[in-house]
N, C-alpha and C. Protein backbone atom coordinates (compact mmCIF):
# COMPACT_ATOMS: atom_id res chain seq x y z
N UNK A 1 103.72 78.30 89.84
CA UNK A 1 103.80 79.71 89.48
C UNK A 1 102.73 80.26 88.99
N UNK A 2 101.54 79.45 88.43
CA UNK A 2 100.38 79.39 87.50
C UNK A 2 99.17 79.73 88.92
N UNK A 3 99.64 79.16 90.05
CA UNK A 3 98.69 79.54 91.36
C UNK A 3 98.62 80.61 91.89
N UNK A 4 100.17 81.13 91.78
CA UNK A 4 100.55 82.26 92.48
C UNK A 4 100.24 83.42 91.47
N UNK A 5 100.23 83.30 90.04
CA UNK A 5 99.46 84.44 89.24
C UNK A 5 97.95 84.69 89.22
N UNK A 6 97.28 83.13 89.67
CA UNK A 6 96.05 83.26 89.67
C UNK A 6 95.55 84.14 91.13
N UNK A 7 95.96 84.02 91.97
CA UNK A 7 95.93 84.83 93.54
C UNK A 7 96.32 85.92 93.13
N UNK A 8 97.24 86.14 92.63
CA UNK A 8 97.83 87.76 92.16
C UNK A 8 96.33 88.39 91.59
N UNK A 9 95.99 87.64 90.60
CA UNK A 9 95.05 88.62 89.51
C UNK A 9 93.71 88.44 90.34
N UNK A 10 93.49 87.84 91.00
CA UNK A 10 92.18 87.95 91.95
C UNK A 10 92.14 88.62 92.82
N UNK A 11 91.14 89.76 92.51
CA UNK A 11 91.01 91.28 93.33
C UNK A 11 90.44 90.86 94.86
N UNK A 12 89.50 90.06 94.81
CA UNK A 12 88.79 89.20 96.39
C UNK A 12 89.94 89.11 97.32
N UNK A 13 90.85 88.72 96.64
CA UNK A 13 92.19 87.78 97.69
C UNK A 13 93.45 88.76 97.72
N UNK A 14 93.32 90.19 97.32
CA UNK A 14 94.30 91.13 97.41
C UNK A 14 95.47 90.99 98.70
N UNK A 15 94.88 90.62 99.78
CA UNK A 15 95.08 90.79 100.93
C UNK A 15 96.16 89.27 101.37
N UNK A 16 96.51 88.29 100.15
CA UNK A 16 96.95 87.03 100.63
C UNK A 16 98.53 87.32 99.86
N UNK A 17 99.32 86.97 100.74
CA UNK A 17 100.56 86.91 100.21
C UNK A 17 101.09 85.92 100.22
N UNK A 18 102.10 85.29 99.76
CA UNK A 18 103.24 83.99 99.85
C UNK A 18 104.23 84.02 100.07
N UNK A 19 104.61 83.66 100.76
CA UNK A 19 106.35 83.91 101.71
C UNK A 19 106.56 82.37 101.29
N UNK A 20 108.14 82.46 100.97
CA UNK A 20 108.81 81.64 100.67
C UNK A 20 110.01 81.08 101.97
N UNK A 21 110.06 79.92 102.12
CA UNK A 21 110.88 79.28 103.06
C UNK A 21 112.41 79.88 103.02
N UNK A 22 112.89 80.87 103.28
CA UNK A 22 114.54 81.30 102.84
C UNK A 22 115.31 80.95 104.06
N UNK A 23 116.48 80.80 103.77
CA UNK A 23 117.48 80.54 105.02
C UNK A 23 117.71 81.39 105.74
N UNK A 24 118.45 81.81 106.91
CA UNK A 24 118.10 82.54 107.79
C UNK A 24 119.15 83.87 106.97
N UNK A 25 120.04 83.55 106.15
CA UNK A 25 120.79 85.04 105.92
C UNK A 25 120.08 85.44 104.61
N UNK A 26 119.26 85.00 104.18
CA UNK A 26 118.41 85.43 102.67
C UNK A 26 117.28 86.28 103.27
N UNK A 27 116.72 85.65 104.27
CA UNK A 27 115.81 86.24 105.13
C UNK A 27 116.48 87.80 105.71
N UNK A 28 117.52 87.56 105.87
CA UNK A 28 118.10 88.99 106.57
C UNK A 28 118.11 89.81 105.08
N UNK A 29 118.45 89.35 104.27
CA UNK A 29 119.06 90.34 103.16
C UNK A 29 117.23 90.72 102.38
N UNK A 30 116.71 89.55 102.19
CA UNK A 30 115.32 90.50 102.21
C UNK A 30 114.53 91.40 102.96
N UNK A 31 114.88 91.22 104.29
CA UNK A 31 114.43 92.24 105.24
C UNK A 31 115.16 93.71 104.74
N UNK A 32 116.75 93.81 104.58
CA UNK A 32 117.40 94.92 104.21
C UNK A 32 116.63 95.08 103.38
N UNK A 33 116.47 94.97 102.17
CA UNK A 33 116.15 94.97 100.78
C UNK A 33 114.50 95.43 100.82
N UNK A 34 114.05 95.13 101.79
CA UNK A 34 112.53 95.50 102.00
C UNK A 34 112.51 97.35 102.53
N UNK A 35 113.51 97.16 103.26
CA UNK A 35 113.90 98.72 103.89
C UNK A 35 114.29 99.46 102.95
N UNK A 36 115.08 99.17 101.85
CA UNK A 36 116.10 100.09 101.18
C UNK A 36 114.61 100.21 100.29
N UNK A 37 113.62 99.38 99.81
CA UNK A 37 112.52 100.12 99.13
C UNK A 37 111.63 101.10 99.92
N UNK A 38 111.58 100.78 101.46
CA UNK A 38 110.71 101.83 101.92
C UNK A 38 111.44 103.07 102.03
N UNK A 39 112.74 103.10 101.67
CA UNK A 39 113.40 104.33 101.76
C UNK A 39 113.44 105.03 100.17
N UNK A 40 112.66 104.27 99.23
CA UNK A 40 112.82 104.72 98.16
C UNK A 40 114.00 104.71 97.36
N UNK A 41 115.33 104.06 98.02
CA UNK A 41 116.57 103.39 97.60
C UNK A 41 116.44 102.78 96.50
N UNK A 42 115.13 101.79 96.29
CA UNK A 42 115.42 101.10 95.22
C UNK A 42 113.95 101.06 94.66
N UNK A 43 113.47 100.52 93.35
CA UNK A 43 112.10 100.49 92.66
C UNK A 43 110.90 99.33 94.06
N UNK A 44 111.94 98.06 93.58
CA UNK A 44 111.11 97.16 94.39
C UNK A 44 112.00 96.05 94.53
N UNK A 45 111.49 95.01 95.15
CA UNK A 45 112.37 93.75 95.96
C UNK A 45 111.03 92.81 95.86
N UNK A 46 111.65 91.61 95.94
CA UNK A 46 111.17 90.10 95.83
C UNK A 46 111.98 89.01 96.11
N UNK A 47 111.20 87.92 96.37
CA UNK A 47 112.25 86.69 96.35
C UNK A 47 111.70 85.78 94.90
N UNK A 48 112.41 84.93 94.75
CA UNK A 48 112.21 83.62 93.53
C UNK A 48 113.05 82.88 93.61
N UNK A 49 112.46 81.45 93.88
CA UNK A 49 113.63 80.13 93.97
C UNK A 49 114.25 80.62 95.20
N UNK A 50 114.22 80.91 96.23
CA UNK A 50 115.07 81.53 97.43
C UNK A 50 116.22 82.20 97.13
N UNK A 51 115.74 83.08 95.88
CA UNK A 51 116.94 84.19 95.71
C UNK A 51 116.12 85.48 96.10
N UNK A 52 116.93 86.60 96.46
CA UNK A 52 116.56 88.04 96.81
C UNK A 52 116.78 88.55 95.49
N UNK A 53 115.85 89.34 95.30
CA UNK A 53 116.12 90.14 93.59
C UNK A 53 115.64 91.48 94.25
N UNK A 54 116.14 92.47 93.26
CA UNK A 54 116.05 94.03 93.71
C UNK A 54 115.68 94.81 92.63
N UNK A 55 114.81 95.64 92.23
CA UNK A 55 114.79 96.31 90.64
C UNK A 55 115.47 97.49 91.08
N UNK A 56 116.31 98.45 90.42
CA UNK A 56 116.55 99.62 90.71
C UNK A 56 115.93 100.74 90.00
N UNK A 57 115.81 101.91 90.91
CA UNK A 57 114.96 103.04 90.07
C UNK A 57 115.08 103.26 88.95
N UNK A 58 113.77 103.15 88.29
CA UNK A 58 114.14 103.52 86.48
C UNK A 58 114.17 104.98 86.58
N UNK A 59 113.75 105.10 85.10
CA UNK A 59 114.11 106.59 84.71
C UNK A 59 113.06 107.81 85.46
N UNK A 60 112.04 107.05 86.17
CA UNK A 60 111.07 107.95 86.93
C UNK A 60 110.52 107.30 87.71
N UNK A 61 110.35 107.71 88.69
CA UNK A 61 109.61 106.85 89.87
C UNK A 61 108.81 105.87 89.65
N UNK A 62 107.97 106.03 88.95
CA UNK A 62 106.95 104.75 88.72
C UNK A 62 107.51 103.84 87.56
N UNK A 63 108.39 104.32 86.87
CA UNK A 63 109.11 103.74 85.94
C UNK A 63 109.18 102.19 86.30
N UNK A 64 108.89 100.92 85.60
CA UNK A 64 109.75 99.78 85.85
C UNK A 64 110.80 99.38 84.73
N UNK A 65 111.58 100.30 84.19
CA UNK A 65 112.46 100.00 83.46
C UNK A 65 113.74 99.90 84.29
N UNK A 66 114.11 99.97 85.46
CA UNK A 66 115.15 99.65 86.15
C UNK A 66 115.58 98.36 85.89
N UNK A 67 116.89 97.92 86.20
CA UNK A 67 117.72 96.85 85.93
C UNK A 67 117.51 95.69 87.41
N UNK A 68 117.31 94.69 87.14
CA UNK A 68 117.33 93.87 88.04
C UNK A 68 118.08 92.74 88.32
N UNK A 69 118.77 92.98 89.97
CA UNK A 69 119.87 92.58 90.33
C UNK A 69 119.71 91.60 91.58
N UNK A 70 120.29 90.28 91.47
CA UNK A 70 120.17 88.91 92.28
C UNK A 70 120.99 89.47 93.52
N UNK A 71 120.58 89.83 94.63
CA UNK A 71 121.33 90.00 95.86
C UNK A 71 121.92 89.07 96.64
N UNK A 72 123.13 88.65 96.90
CA UNK A 72 123.87 87.45 97.70
C UNK A 72 124.32 87.92 98.86
N UNK A 73 124.91 89.10 99.31
CA UNK A 73 125.16 89.35 100.34
C UNK A 73 124.87 90.87 100.83
N UNK A 74 125.22 91.83 102.03
CA UNK A 74 125.03 92.99 102.47
C UNK A 74 125.41 93.86 101.15
N UNK A 75 126.86 93.57 100.97
CA UNK A 75 127.75 94.39 99.82
C UNK A 75 126.62 94.60 98.56
N UNK A 76 126.30 93.86 98.23
CA UNK A 76 125.12 93.87 96.91
C UNK A 76 124.34 94.80 97.02
N UNK A 77 123.67 95.06 98.36
CA UNK A 77 122.76 96.11 98.93
C UNK A 77 123.45 97.38 99.20
N UNK A 78 124.86 97.22 99.39
CA UNK A 78 125.52 98.51 99.73
C UNK A 78 125.70 98.97 98.36
N UNK A 79 125.57 98.79 97.56
CA UNK A 79 125.88 99.32 95.98
C UNK A 79 124.66 100.21 95.59
N UNK A 80 123.59 100.02 96.50
CA UNK A 80 122.51 100.97 96.30
C UNK A 80 122.52 102.27 96.99
N UNK A 81 123.25 101.97 98.03
CA UNK A 81 123.82 103.02 99.13
C UNK A 81 124.93 103.93 98.85
N UNK A 82 125.72 102.98 97.74
CA UNK A 82 126.95 103.75 97.47
C UNK A 82 127.78 103.78 98.71
N UNK A 83 127.66 102.47 99.57
CA UNK A 83 128.78 102.07 100.39
C UNK A 83 128.98 100.78 100.55
N UNK A 84 130.31 100.68 101.12
CA UNK A 84 130.47 99.33 100.72
C UNK A 84 130.65 98.69 102.59
N UNK A 85 130.27 97.67 102.83
CA UNK A 85 129.43 97.01 104.03
C UNK A 85 130.76 95.76 104.01
N UNK A 86 131.43 95.82 104.97
CA UNK A 86 132.82 94.76 105.08
C UNK A 86 132.48 94.07 106.42
N UNK A 87 132.81 92.77 106.76
CA UNK A 87 132.75 92.41 107.80
C UNK A 87 133.41 92.75 108.86
N UNK A 88 133.25 93.02 109.94
CA UNK A 88 134.06 93.48 111.33
C UNK A 88 133.85 92.50 111.90
N UNK A 89 135.44 92.21 112.64
CA UNK A 89 134.96 91.12 113.74
C UNK A 89 134.78 91.54 115.18
N UNK A 90 133.67 90.16 115.57
CA UNK A 90 132.97 91.23 116.73
C UNK A 90 134.06 91.29 118.11
N UNK A 91 135.30 90.49 117.91
CA UNK A 91 136.19 90.86 118.84
C UNK A 91 137.18 91.86 118.90
N UNK A 92 137.07 92.68 117.82
CA UNK A 92 138.09 94.04 117.79
C UNK A 92 137.48 95.02 118.84
N UNK A 93 136.74 95.26 119.02
CA UNK A 93 136.04 96.30 119.95
C UNK A 93 134.73 95.58 121.09
N UNK A 94 134.82 94.96 122.19
CA UNK A 94 133.80 94.45 122.94
C UNK A 94 132.72 95.41 123.08
N UNK A 95 132.94 96.81 123.17
CA UNK A 95 131.82 98.30 123.18
C UNK A 95 131.42 98.40 122.00
N UNK A 96 131.92 97.89 120.98
CA UNK A 96 131.54 98.42 119.52
C UNK A 96 130.23 97.92 119.15
N UNK A 97 129.22 98.26 118.68
CA UNK A 97 127.96 97.99 117.92
C UNK A 97 128.01 97.82 116.46
N UNK A 98 129.15 97.93 115.74
CA UNK A 98 129.71 98.35 114.35
C UNK A 98 129.43 96.97 113.71
N UNK A 99 128.36 96.16 114.14
CA UNK A 99 127.89 95.26 112.75
C UNK A 99 127.49 95.19 111.64
N UNK A 100 127.83 94.73 110.62
CA UNK A 100 127.78 95.15 109.07
C UNK A 100 126.17 95.60 109.07
N UNK A 101 124.96 94.66 109.83
CA UNK A 101 123.78 95.06 109.77
C UNK A 101 123.57 96.45 110.40
N UNK A 102 124.63 96.93 111.72
CA UNK A 102 123.73 98.00 112.15
C UNK A 102 124.56 99.20 111.15
N UNK A 103 125.78 99.13 110.56
CA UNK A 103 126.01 99.95 109.62
C UNK A 103 125.17 100.09 108.52
N UNK A 104 124.46 99.09 107.90
CA UNK A 104 123.61 99.07 107.06
C UNK A 104 122.36 99.74 107.29
N UNK A 105 121.93 99.43 108.56
CA UNK A 105 120.48 100.36 109.14
C UNK A 105 120.93 101.63 109.32
N UNK A 106 122.04 102.42 109.77
CA UNK A 106 122.78 103.69 109.95
C UNK A 106 122.33 104.22 108.74
N UNK A 107 123.19 103.75 107.76
CA UNK A 107 123.39 104.01 106.30
C UNK A 107 121.70 104.24 105.52
N UNK A 108 120.68 103.86 105.92
CA UNK A 108 119.31 103.56 105.66
C UNK A 108 118.81 104.64 106.09
N UNK A 109 118.76 104.83 107.37
CA UNK A 109 118.18 105.99 108.42
C UNK A 109 119.08 107.18 108.26
């Protein structure tokens, strides 16, 4: 943690990022969280000790007073879109592309 702080505080090393080795599922969650941040649905997102964390939008766009949430699944991210994402078996309709990831992406767009 101290090394990470030193890198962050060093102005000459602003373009260096530290990536955690996440599971495939958590990596997807982190990607979807970054998409929500880009769409201004959440204030910030990061990973720590393998967990995906997001900060709600605060009282003002630049405020850092929003509550921090741990994201464990797509439904947790769906709360920021005001939707519920449910698992749809792939065998229900072979022509359908209605995967939970596609539904989340459509809601973001």
